[in-house]
């Protein structure tokens, strides 16, 4: 769980840095073209600096998605099997009841 907390802290820190850079550039008294250029440069620099961490976060996120998908599919199969089992039990009980009724009429 500690690894997950540090991952979330890292993602929050990264989001804060990006948000701070964007806000600083957007509120600076510069032309739009110059501001866009600075934002692009800052984003490229940030990506180059933190690309290993970004790639690791992406890998972890995809692993977690795959794990959750597997767990959900497994639970769905269990639930489906339970429903089938209940239906079979009910059908068997109805069949046994019908067999008993046949003997009553004879």
PDB file of N, CA and C in Angstrom:
ATOM      1  N   UNK A   1       0.824  -1.192   0.000  1.00  0.00           N
ATOM      2  CA  UNK A   1       0.000   0.000   0.000  1.00  0.00           C
ATOM      3  C   UNK A   1       0.863   1.249   0.000  1.00  0.00           C
ATOM      4  N   UNK A   2       2.055   1.163   0.596  1.00  0.00           N
ATOM      5  CA  UNK A   2       2.967   2.294   0.653  1.00  0.00           C
ATOM      6  C   UNK A   2       3.423   2.706  -0.743  1.00  0.00           C
ATOM      7  N   UNK A   3       3.610   1.710  -1.598  1.00  0.00           N
ATOM      8  CA  UNK A   3       4.018   1.990  -2.975  1.00  0.00           C
ATOM      9  C   UNK A   3       2.926   2.776  -3.698  1.00  0.00           C
ATOM     10  N   UNK A   4       1.675   2.428  -3.440  1.00  0.00           N
ATOM     11  CA  UNK A   4       0.558   3.123  -4.054  1.00  0.00           C
ATOM     12  C   UNK A   4       0.469   4.564  -3.565  1.00  0.00           C
ATOM     13  N   UNK A   5       0.724   4.780  -2.260  1.00  0.00           N
ATOM     14  CA  UNK A   5       0.684   6.139  -1.721  1.00  0.00           C
ATOM     15  C   UNK A   5       1.787   7.001  -2.324  1.00  0.00           C
ATOM     16  N   UNK A   6       2.979   6.437  -2.469  1.00  0.00           N
ATOM     17  CA  UNK A   6       4.071   7.218  -3.051  1.00  0.00           C
ATOM     18  C   UNK A   6       3.798   7.501  -4.523  1.00  0.00           C
ATOM     19  N   UNK A   7       3.158   6.556  -5.213  1.00  0.00           N
ATOM     20  CA  UNK A   7       2.787   6.776  -6.611  1.00  0.00           C
ATOM     21  C   UNK A   7       1.787   7.924  -6.716  1.00  0.00           C
ATOM     22  N   UNK A   8       0.776   7.902  -5.847  1.00  0.00           N
ATOM     23  CA  UNK A   8      -0.236   8.956  -5.870  1.00  0.00           C
ATOM     24  C   UNK A   8       0.379  10.311  -5.500  1.00  0.00           C
ATOM     25  N   UNK A   9       1.304  10.317  -4.550  1.00  0.00           N
ATOM     26  CA  UNK A   9       1.974  11.553  -4.184  1.00  0.00           C
ATOM     27  C   UNK A   9       2.766  12.083  -5.379  1.00  0.00           C
ATOM     28  N   UNK A  10       3.476  11.204  -6.060  1.00  0.00           N
ATOM     29  CA  UNK A  10       4.255  11.598  -7.236  1.00  0.00           C
ATOM     30  C   UNK A  10       3.374  12.166  -8.337  1.00  0.00           C
ATOM     31  N   UNK A  11       2.225  11.525  -8.565  1.00  0.00           N
ATOM     32  CA  UNK A  11       1.308  12.025  -9.597  1.00  0.00           C
ATOM     33  C   UNK A  11       0.730  13.379  -9.196  1.00  0.00           C
ATOM     34  N   UNK A  12       0.428  13.551  -7.917  1.00  0.00           N
ATOM     35  CA  UNK A  12      -0.082  14.840  -7.439  1.00  0.00           C
ATOM     36  C   UNK A  12       0.963  15.931  -7.561  1.00  0.00           C
ATOM     37  N   UNK A  13       2.199  15.572  -7.236  1.00  0.00           N
ATOM     38  CA  UNK A  13       3.300  16.528  -7.358  1.00  0.00           C
ATOM     39  C   UNK A  13       3.496  16.935  -8.809  1.00  0.00           C
ATOM     40  N   UNK A  14       3.471  15.956  -9.693  1.00  0.00           N
ATOM     41  CA  UNK A  14       3.627  16.226 -11.121  1.00  0.00           C
ATOM     42  C   UNK A  14       2.501  17.115 -11.635  1.00  0.00           C
ATOM     43  N   UNK A  15       1.273  16.825 -11.230  1.00  0.00           N
ATOM     44  CA  UNK A  15       0.133  17.647 -11.647  1.00  0.00           C
ATOM     45  C   UNK A  15       0.264  19.072 -11.110  1.00  0.00           C
ATOM     46  N   UNK A  16       0.736  19.213  -9.883  1.00  0.00           N
ATOM     47  CA  UNK A  16       0.923  20.550  -9.303  1.00  0.00           C
ATOM     48  C   UNK A  16       1.985  21.350 -10.032  1.00  0.00           C
ATOM     49  N   UNK A  17       3.077  20.680 -10.401  1.00  0.00           N
ATOM     50  CA  UNK A  17       4.153  21.366 -11.131  1.00  0.00           C
ATOM     51  C   UNK A  17       3.649  21.825 -12.493  1.00  0.00           C
ATOM     52  N   UNK A  18       2.963  20.930 -13.196  1.00  0.00           N
ATOM     53  CA  UNK A  18       2.441  21.290 -14.520  1.00  0.00           C
ATOM     54  C   UNK A  18       1.432  22.421 -14.395  1.00  0.00           C
ATOM     55  N   UNK A  19       0.527  22.318 -13.434  1.00  0.00           N
ATOM     56  CA  UNK A  19      -0.471  23.375 -13.241  1.00  0.00           C
ATOM     57  C   UNK A  19       0.174  24.705 -12.894  1.00  0.00           C
ATOM     58  N   UNK A  20       1.203  24.682 -12.065  1.00  0.00           N
ATOM     59  CA  UNK A  20       1.906  25.916 -11.699  1.00  0.00           C
ATOM     60  C   UNK A  20       2.596  26.561 -12.888  1.00  0.00           C
ATOM     61  N   UNK A  21       3.216  25.741 -13.708  1.00  0.00           N
ATOM     62  CA  UNK A  21       3.895  26.269 -14.896  1.00  0.00           C
ATOM     63  C   UNK A  21       2.885  26.897 -15.843  1.00  0.00           C
ATOM     64  N   UNK A  22       1.808  26.174 -16.106  1.00  0.00           N
ATOM     65  CA  UNK A  22       0.785  26.684 -17.029  1.00  0.00           C
ATOM     66  C   UNK A  22       0.172  27.971 -16.484  1.00  0.00           C
ATOM     67  N   UNK A  23      -0.187  27.996 -15.208  1.00  0.00           N
ATOM     68  CA  UNK A  23      -0.787  29.202 -14.621  1.00  0.00           C
ATOM     69  C   UNK A  23       0.191  30.370 -14.663  1.00  0.00           C
ATOM     70  N   UNK A  24       1.452  30.101 -14.360  1.00  0.00           N
ATOM     71  CA  UNK A  24       2.451  31.176 -14.385  1.00  0.00           C
ATOM     72  C   UNK A  24       2.627  31.770 -15.763  1.00  0.00           C
ATOM     73  N   UNK A  25       2.630  30.927 -16.763  1.00  0.00           N
ATOM     74  CA  UNK A  25       2.810  31.422 -18.139  1.00  0.00           C
ATOM     75  C   UNK A  25       1.561  32.140 -18.619  1.00  0.00           C
ATOM     76  N   UNK A  26       0.403  31.609 -18.283  1.00  0.00           N
ATOM     77  CA  UNK A  26      -0.838  32.220 -18.758  1.00  0.00           C
ATOM     78  C   UNK A  26      -1.104  33.581 -18.125  1.00  0.00           C
ATOM     79  N   UNK A  27      -0.683  33.779 -16.889  1.00  0.00           N
ATOM     80  CA  UNK A  27      -0.929  35.057 -16.221  1.00  0.00           C
ATOM     81  C   UNK A  27       0.213  36.049 -16.389  1.00  0.00           C
ATOM     82  N   UNK A  28       1.241  35.651 -17.099  1.00  0.00           N
ATOM     83  CA  UNK A  28       2.359  36.561 -17.348  1.00  0.00           C
ATOM     84  C   UNK A  28       1.953  37.577 -18.418  1.00  0.00           C
ATOM     85  N   UNK A  29       2.446  38.804 -18.299  1.00  0.00           N
ATOM     86  CA  UNK A  29       2.080  39.845 -19.282  1.00  0.00           C
ATOM     87  C   UNK A  29       2.899  39.702 -20.573  1.00  0.00           C
ATOM     88  N   UNK A  30       2.624  38.642 -21.344  1.00  0.00           N
ATOM     89  CA  UNK A  30       3.320  38.406 -22.606  1.00  0.00           C
ATOM     90  C   UNK A  30       2.296  38.149 -23.689  1.00  0.00           C
ATOM     91  N   UNK A  31       2.744  38.180 -24.929  1.00  0.00           N
ATOM     92  CA  UNK A  31       1.842  37.915 -26.046  1.00  0.00           C
ATOM     93  C   UNK A  31       1.429  36.442 -26.033  1.00  0.00           C
ATOM     94  N   UNK A  32       0.329  36.144 -26.695  1.00  0.00           N
ATOM     95  CA  UNK A  32      -0.175  34.781 -26.753  1.00  0.00           C
ATOM     96  C   UNK A  32       0.805  33.831 -27.414  1.00  0.00           C
ATOM     97  N   UNK A  33       1.426  34.294 -28.486  1.00  0.00           N
ATOM     98  CA  UNK A  33       2.377  33.446 -29.205  1.00  0.00           C
ATOM     99  C   UNK A  33       3.574  33.096 -28.317  1.00  0.00           C
ATOM    100  N   UNK A  34       4.080  34.088 -27.615  1.00  0.00           N
ATOM    101  CA  UNK A  34       5.222  33.867 -26.730  1.00  0.00           C
ATOM    102  C   UNK A  34       4.833  32.949 -25.568  1.00  0.00           C
ATOM    103  N   UNK A  35       3.629  33.138 -25.030  1.00  0.00           N
ATOM    104  CA  UNK A  35       3.157  32.292 -23.935  1.00  0.00           C
ATOM    105  C   UNK A  35       3.012  30.847 -24.386  1.00  0.00           C
ATOM    106  N   UNK A  36       2.440  30.641 -25.574  1.00  0.00           N
ATOM    107  CA  UNK A  36       2.276  29.279 -26.086  1.00  0.00           C
ATOM    108  C   UNK A  36       3.625  28.607 -26.298  1.00  0.00           C
ATOM    109  N   UNK A  37       4.586  29.364 -26.795  1.00  0.00           N
ATOM    110  CA  UNK A  37       5.924  28.821 -27.018  1.00  0.00           C
ATOM    111  C   UNK A  37       6.557  28.409 -25.686  1.00  0.00           C
ATOM    112  N   UNK A  38       6.406  29.237 -24.684  1.00  0.00           N
ATOM    113  CA  UNK A  38       6.967  28.931 -23.362  1.00  0.00           C
ATOM    114  C   UNK A  38       6.286  27.704 -22.738  1.00  0.00           C
ATOM    115  N   UNK A  39       4.970  27.617 -22.903  1.00  0.00           N
ATOM    116  CA  UNK A  39       4.255  26.450 -22.378  1.00  0.00           C
ATOM    117  C   UNK A  39       4.761  25.187 -23.061  1.00  0.00           C
ATOM    118  N   UNK A  40       4.923  25.254 -24.369  1.00  0.00           N
ATOM    119  CA  UNK A  40       5.402  24.090 -25.119  1.00  0.00           C
ATOM    120  C   UNK A  40       6.812  23.702 -24.666  1.00  0.00           C
ATOM    121  N   UNK A  41       7.679  24.682 -24.511  1.00  0.00           N
ATOM    122  CA  UNK A  41       9.045  24.400 -24.056  1.00  0.00           C
ATOM    123  C   UNK A  41       9.048  23.802 -22.652  1.00  0.00           C
ATOM    124  N   UNK A  42       8.235  24.367 -21.768  1.00  0.00           N
ATOM    125  CA  UNK A  42       8.181  23.860 -20.390  1.00  0.00           C
ATOM    126  C   UNK A  42       7.625  22.438 -20.360  1.00  0.00           C
ATOM    127  N   UNK A  43       6.618  22.167 -21.165  1.00  0.00           N
ATOM    128  CA  UNK A  43       6.040  20.822 -21.204  1.00  0.00           C
ATOM    129  C   UNK A  43       7.051  19.822 -21.753  1.00  0.00           C
ATOM    130  N   UNK A  44       7.761  20.185 -22.813  1.00  0.00           N
ATOM    131  CA  UNK A  44       8.775  19.293 -23.382  1.00  0.00           C
ATOM    132  C   UNK A  44       9.897  19.028 -22.369  1.00  0.00           C
ATOM    133  N   UNK A  45      10.326  20.081 -21.708  1.00  0.00           N
ATOM    134  CA  UNK A  45      11.384  19.942 -20.704  1.00  0.00           C
ATOM    135  C   UNK A  45      10.928  19.048 -19.549  1.00  0.00           C
ATOM    136  N   UNK A  46       9.704  19.266 -19.096  1.00  0.00           N
ATOM    137  CA  UNK A  46       9.150  18.468 -18.007  1.00  0.00           C
ATOM    138  C   UNK A  46       9.033  17.004 -18.426  1.00  0.00           C
ATOM    139  N   UNK A  47       8.578  16.763 -19.644  1.00  0.00           N
ATOM    140  CA  UNK A  47       8.440  15.388 -20.133  1.00  0.00           C
ATOM    141  C   UNK A  47       9.807  14.706 -20.211  1.00  0.00           C
ATOM    142  N   UNK A  48      10.785  15.417 -20.767  1.00  0.00           N
ATOM    143  CA  UNK A  48      12.120  14.827 -20.884  1.00  0.00           C
ATOM    144  C   UNK A  48      12.709  14.522 -19.504  1.00  0.00           C
ATOM    145  N   UNK A  49      12.469  15.417 -18.573  1.00  0.00           N
ATOM    146  CA  UNK A  49      13.026  15.257 -17.236  1.00  0.00           C
ATOM    147  C   UNK A  49      12.364  14.107 -16.475  1.00  0.00           C
ATOM    148  N   UNK A  50      11.052  13.936 -16.672  1.00  0.00           N
ATOM    149  CA  UNK A  50      10.288  12.967 -15.884  1.00  0.00           C
ATOM    150  C   UNK A  50       9.735  11.813 -16.718  1.00  0.00           C
ATOM    151  N   UNK A  51      10.230  11.612 -17.933  1.00  0.00           N
ATOM    152  CA  UNK A  51       9.681  10.549 -18.774  1.00  0.00           C
ATOM    153  C   UNK A  51       9.814   9.159 -18.157  1.00  0.00           C
ATOM    154  N   UNK A  52      10.922   8.829 -17.465  1.00  0.00           N
ATOM    155  CA  UNK A  52      10.949   7.497 -16.833  1.00  0.00           C
ATOM    156  C   UNK A  52       9.847   7.330 -15.788  1.00  0.00           C
ATOM    157  N   UNK A  53       9.613   8.364 -14.996  1.00  0.00           N
ATOM    158  CA  UNK A  53       8.551   8.293 -13.976  1.00  0.00           C
ATOM    159  C   UNK A  53       7.176   8.226 -14.638  1.00  0.00           C
ATOM    160  N   UNK A  54       7.003   8.958 -15.722  1.00  0.00           N
ATOM    161  CA  UNK A  54       5.726   8.936 -16.442  1.00  0.00           C
ATOM    162  C   UNK A  54       5.495   7.553 -17.040  1.00  0.00           C
ATOM    163  N   UNK A  55       6.528   6.982 -17.644  1.00  0.00           N
ATOM    164  CA  UNK A  55       6.397   5.650 -18.234  1.00  0.00           C
ATOM    165  C   UNK A  55       6.109   4.604 -17.159  1.00  0.00           C
ATOM    166  N   UNK A  56       6.754   4.730 -16.000  1.00  0.00           N
ATOM    167  CA  UNK A  56       6.515   3.804 -14.897  1.00  0.00           C
ATOM    168  C   UNK A  56       5.081   3.936 -14.388  1.00  0.00           C
ATOM    169  N   UNK A  57       4.599   5.177 -14.267  1.00  0.00           N
ATOM    170  CA  UNK A  57       3.224   5.396 -13.810  1.00  0.00           C
ATOM    171  C   UNK A  57       2.237   4.807 -14.815  1.00  0.00           C
ATOM    172  N   UNK A  58       2.527   4.977 -16.087  1.00  0.00           N
ATOM    173  CA  UNK A  58       1.666   4.420 -17.136  1.00  0.00           C
ATOM    174  C   UNK A  58       1.656   2.897 -17.060  1.00  0.00           C
ATOM    175  N   UNK A  59       2.833   2.297 -16.868  1.00  0.00           N
ATOM    176  CA  UNK A  59       2.937   0.844 -16.771  1.00  0.00           C
ATOM    177  C   UNK A  59       2.142   0.329 -15.574  1.00  0.00           C
ATOM    178  N   UNK A  60       2.296   0.999 -14.426  1.00  0.00           N
ATOM    179  CA  UNK A  60       1.571   0.593 -13.218  1.00  0.00           C
ATOM    180  C   UNK A  60       0.061   0.737 -13.410  1.00  0.00           C
ATOM    181  N   UNK A  61      -0.346   1.813 -14.049  1.00  0.00           N
ATOM    182  CA  UNK A  61      -1.773   2.027 -14.279  1.00  0.00           C
ATOM    183  C   UNK A  61      -2.340   0.919 -15.175  1.00  0.00           C
ATOM    184  N   UNK A  62      -1.620   0.567 -16.230  1.00  0.00           N
ATOM    185  CA  UNK A  62      -2.081  -0.498 -17.115  1.00  0.00           C
ATOM    186  C   UNK A  62      -2.113  -1.846 -16.402  1.00  0.00           C
ATOM    187  N   UNK A  63      -1.123  -2.110 -15.549  1.00  0.00           N
ATOM    188  CA  UNK A  63      -1.130  -3.353 -14.767  1.00  0.00           C
ATOM    189  C   UNK A  63      -2.338  -3.404 -13.837  1.00  0.00           C
ATOM    190  N   UNK A  64      -2.624  -2.279 -13.187  1.00  0.00           N
ATOM    191  CA  UNK A  64      -3.772  -2.229 -12.274  1.00  0.00           C
ATOM    192  C   UNK A  64      -5.088  -2.415 -13.027  1.00  0.00           C
ATOM    193  N   UNK A  65      -5.183  -1.837 -14.212  1.00  0.00           N
ATOM    194  CA  UNK A  65      -6.391  -2.004 -15.028  1.00  0.00           C
ATOM    195  C   UNK A  65      -6.550  -3.470 -15.413  1.00  0.00           C
ATOM    196  N   UNK A  66      -5.457  -4.104 -15.851  1.00  0.00           N
ATOM    197  CA  UNK A  66      -5.519  -5.521 -16.213  1.00  0.00           C
ATOM    198  C   UNK A  66      -5.899  -6.390 -15.019  1.00  0.00           C
ATOM    199  N   UNK A  67      -5.333  -6.085 -13.853  1.00  0.00           N
ATOM    200  CA  UNK A  67      -5.649  -6.854 -12.655  1.00  0.00           C
ATOM    201  C   UNK A  67      -7.126  -6.706 -12.291  1.00  0.00           C
ATOM    202  N   UNK A  68      -7.637  -5.494 -12.323  1.00  0.00           N
ATOM    203  CA  UNK A  68      -9.046  -5.272 -11.997  1.00  0.00           C
ATOM    204  C   UNK A  68      -9.952  -5.953 -13.019  1.00  0.00           C
ATOM    205  N   UNK A  69      -9.564  -5.908 -14.278  1.00  0.00           N
ATOM    206  CA  UNK A  69     -10.342  -6.576 -15.330  1.00  0.00           C
ATOM    207  C   UNK A  69     -10.398  -8.082 -15.054  1.00  0.00           C
ATOM    208  N   UNK A  70      -9.256  -8.671 -14.707  1.00  0.00           N
ATOM    209  CA  UNK A  70      -9.198 -10.100 -14.394  1.00  0.00           C
ATOM    210  C   UNK A  70     -10.092 -10.428 -13.200  1.00  0.00           C
ATOM    211  N   UNK A  71      -9.998  -9.613 -12.142  1.00  0.00           N
ATOM    212  CA  UNK A  71     -10.795  -9.866 -10.942  1.00  0.00           C
ATOM    213  C   UNK A  71     -12.292  -9.740 -11.229  1.00  0.00           C
ATOM    214  N   UNK A  72     -12.665  -8.734 -12.013  1.00  0.00           N
ATOM    215  CA  UNK A  72     -14.075  -8.561 -12.357  1.00  0.00           C
ATOM    216  C   UNK A  72     -14.586  -9.717 -13.201  1.00  0.00           C
ATOM    217  N   UNK A  73     -13.792 -10.164 -14.165  1.00  0.00           N
ATOM    218  CA  UNK A  73     -14.200 -11.295 -15.003  1.00  0.00           C
ATOM    219  C   UNK A  73     -14.354 -12.560 -14.158  1.00  0.00           C
ATOM    220  N   UNK A  74     -13.440 -12.776 -13.211  1.00  0.00           N
ATOM    221  CA  UNK A  74     -13.512 -13.941 -12.339  1.00  0.00           C
ATOM    222  C   UNK A  74     -14.774 -13.892 -11.475  1.00  0.00           C
ATOM    223  N   UNK A  75     -15.068 -12.725 -10.910  1.00  0.00           N
ATOM    224  CA  UNK A  75     -16.270 -12.569 -10.093  1.00  0.00           C
ATOM    225  C   UNK A  75     -17.527 -12.775 -10.941  1.00  0.00           C
ATOM    226  N   UNK A  76     -17.509 -12.280 -12.175  1.00  0.00           N
ATOM    227  CA  UNK A  76     -18.651 -12.442 -13.064  1.00  0.00           C
ATOM    228  C   UNK A  76     -18.881 -13.922 -13.371  1.00  0.00           C
ATOM    229  N   UNK A  77     -17.794 -14.664 -13.629  1.00  0.00           N
ATOM    230  CA  UNK A  77     -17.929 -16.106 -13.887  1.00  0.00           C
ATOM    231  C   UNK A  77     -18.482 -16.827 -12.669  1.00  0.00           C
ATOM    232  N   UNK A  78     -17.991 -16.480 -11.473  1.00  0.00           N
ATOM    233  CA  UNK A  78     -18.504 -17.098 -10.249  1.00  0.00           C
ATOM    234  C   UNK A  78     -20.000 -16.822 -10.089  1.00  0.00           C
ATOM    235  N   UNK A  79     -20.390 -15.586 -10.310  1.00  0.00           N
ATOM    236  CA  UNK A  79     -21.787 -15.185 -10.185  1.00  0.00           C
ATOM    237  C   UNK A  79     -22.639 -15.931 -11.212  1.00  0.00           C
ATOM    238  N   UNK A  80     -22.148 -16.010 -12.437  1.00  0.00           N
ATOM    239  CA  UNK A  80     -22.857 -16.712 -13.498  1.00  0.00           C
ATOM    240  C   UNK A  80     -23.027 -18.184 -13.150  1.00  0.00           C
ATOM    241  N   UNK A  81     -21.961 -18.802 -12.657  1.00  0.00           N
ATOM    242  CA  UNK A  81     -22.028 -20.210 -12.270  1.00  0.00           C
ATOM    243  C   UNK A  81     -23.001 -20.424 -11.120  1.00  0.00           C
ATOM    244  N   UNK A  82     -23.029 -19.481 -10.189  1.00  0.00           N
ATOM    245  CA  UNK A  82     -23.956 -19.580  -9.064  1.00  0.00           C
ATOM    246  C   UNK A  82     -25.404 -19.532  -9.566  1.00  0.00           C
ATOM    247  N   UNK A  83     -25.675 -18.633 -10.495  1.00  0.00           N
ATOM    248  CA  UNK A  83     -27.028 -18.517 -11.045  1.00  0.00           C
ATOM    249  C   UNK A  83     -27.408 -19.799 -11.779  1.00  0.00           C
ATOM    250  N   UNK A  84     -26.486 -20.326 -12.584  1.00  0.00           N
ATOM    251  CA  UNK A  84     -26.762 -21.580 -13.302  1.00  0.00           C
ATOM    252  C   UNK A  84     -27.033 -22.708 -12.324  1.00  0.00           C
ATOM    253  N   UNK A  85     -26.249 -22.764 -11.254  1.00  0.00           N
ATOM    254  CA  UNK A  85     -26.422 -23.804 -10.247  1.00  0.00           C
ATOM    255  C   UNK A  85     -27.799 -23.699  -9.590  1.00  0.00           C
ATOM    256  N   UNK A  86     -28.190 -22.478  -9.257  1.00  0.00           N
ATOM    257  CA  UNK A  86     -29.507 -22.266  -8.638  1.00  0.00           C
ATOM    258  C   UNK A  86     -30.620 -22.682  -9.591  1.00  0.00           C
ATOM    259  N   UNK A  87     -30.475 -22.352 -10.877  1.00  0.00           N
ATOM    260  CA  UNK A  87     -31.485 -22.724 -11.868  1.00  0.00           C
ATOM    261  C   UNK A  87     -31.565 -24.242 -11.998  1.00  0.00           C
ATOM    262  N   UNK A  88     -30.407 -24.909 -11.997  1.00  0.00           N
ATOM    263  CA  UNK A  88     -30.401 -26.363 -12.093  1.00  0.00           C
ATOM    264  C   UNK A  88     -31.060 -26.990 -10.866  1.00  0.00           C
ATOM    265  N   UNK A  89     -30.767 -26.442  -9.699  1.00  0.00           N
ATOM    266  CA  UNK A  89     -31.382 -26.960  -8.473  1.00  0.00           C
ATOM    267  C   UNK A  89     -32.901 -26.793  -8.504  1.00  0.00           C
ATOM    268  N   UNK A  90     -33.344 -25.645  -8.986  1.00  0.00           N
ATOM    269  CA  UNK A  90     -34.772 -25.382  -9.058  1.00  0.00           C
ATOM    270  C   UNK A  90     -35.434 -26.312 -10.076  1.00  0.00           C
ATOM    271  N   UNK A  91     -34.783 -26.495 -11.224  1.00  0.00           N
ATOM    272  CA  UNK A  91     -35.330 -27.390 -12.244  1.00  0.00           C
ATOM    273  C   UNK A  91     -35.393 -28.823 -11.722  1.00  0.00           C
ATOM    274  N   UNK A  92     -34.365 -29.230 -11.010  1.00  0.00           N
ATOM    275  CA  UNK A  92     -34.334 -30.588 -10.446  1.00  0.00           C
ATOM    276  C   UNK A  92     -35.447 -30.754  -9.409  1.00  0.00           C
ATOM    277  N   UNK A  93     -35.641 -29.743  -8.580  1.00  0.00           N
ATOM    278  CA  UNK A  93     -36.705 -29.806  -7.574  1.00  0.00           C
ATOM    279  C   UNK A  93     -38.069 -29.868  -8.250  1.00  0.00           C
ATOM    280  N   UNK A  94     -38.261 -29.079  -9.324  1.00  0.00           N
ATOM    281  CA  UNK A  94     -39.530 -29.114 -10.046  1.00  0.00           C
ATOM    282  C   UNK A  94     -39.739 -30.470 -10.699  1.00  0.00           C
ATOM    283  N   UNK A  95     -38.664 -31.026 -11.238  1.00  0.00           N
ATOM    284  CA  UNK A  95     -38.744 -32.335 -11.886  1.00  0.00           C
ATOM    285  C   UNK A  95     -39.098 -33.412 -10.871  1.00  0.00           C
ATOM    286  N   UNK A  96     -38.461 -33.367  -9.714  1.00  0.00           N
ATOM    287  CA  UNK A  96     -38.762 -34.341  -8.669  1.00  0.00           C
ATOM    288  C   UNK A  96     -40.197 -34.176  -8.183  1.00  0.00           C
ATOM    289  N   UNK A  97     -40.650 -32.943  -8.104  1.00  0.00           N
ATOM    290  CA  UNK A  97     -42.037 -32.688  -7.698  1.00  0.00           C
ATOM    291  C   UNK A  97     -43.011 -33.223  -8.725  1.00  0.00           C
ATOM    292  N   UNK A  98     -42.669 -33.087  -9.998  1.00  0.00           N
ATOM    293  CA  UNK A  98     -43.533 -33.597 -11.063  1.00  0.00           C
ATOM    294  C   UNK A  98     -43.568 -35.111 -11.027  1.00  0.00           C
ATOM    295  N   UNK A  99     -42.440 -35.749 -10.744  1.00  0.00           N
ATOM    296  CA  UNK A  99     -42.407 -37.206 -10.661  1.00  0.00           C
ATOM    297  C   UNK A  99     -43.287 -37.690  -9.507  1.00  0.00           C
ATOM    298  N   UNK A 100     -43.251 -36.964  -8.378  1.00  0.00           N
ATOM    299  CA  UNK A 100     -44.075 -37.338  -7.251  1.00  0.00           C
ATOM    300  C   UNK A 100     -45.545 -37.197  -7.590  1.00  0.00           C
ATOM    301  N   UNK A 101     -45.885 -36.149  -8.342  1.00  0.00           N
ATOM    302  CA  UNK A 101     -47.276 -35.906  -8.741  1.00  0.00           C
ATOM    303  C   UNK A 101     -47.774 -36.996  -9.681  1.00  0.00           C
ATOM    304  N   UNK A 102     -46.903 -37.547 -10.531  1.00  0.00           N
ATOM    305  CA  UNK A 102     -47.310 -38.615 -11.440  1.00  0.00           C
ATOM    306  C   UNK A 102     -47.766 -39.834 -10.658  1.00  0.00           C
ATOM    307  N   UNK A 103     -47.091 -40.137  -9.576  1.00  0.00           N
ATOM    308  CA  UNK A 103     -47.452 -41.284  -8.767  1.00  0.00           C
ATOM    309  C   UNK A 103     -48.755 -41.030  -8.010  1.00  0.00           C
ATOM    310  N   UNK A 104     -49.048 -39.786  -7.715  1.00  0.00           N
ATOM    311  CA  UNK A 104     -50.286 -39.460  -7.020  1.00  0.00           C
ATOM    312  C   UNK A 104     -51.507 -39.729  -7.870  1.00  0.00           C
ATOM    313  N   UNK A 105     -51.365 -39.527  -9.190  1.00  0.00           N
ATOM    314  CA  UNK A 105     -52.502 -39.678 -10.077  1.00  0.00           C
ATOM    315  C   UNK A 105     -52.775 -41.125 -10.431  1.00  0.00           C
ATOM    316  N   UNK A 106     -51.837 -42.001 -10.205  1.00  0.00           N
ATOM    317  CA  UNK A 106     -52.047 -43.409 -10.614  1.00  0.00           C
ATOM    318  C   UNK A 106     -52.762 -44.188  -9.597  1.00  0.00           C
TER     319      UNK A 106
END
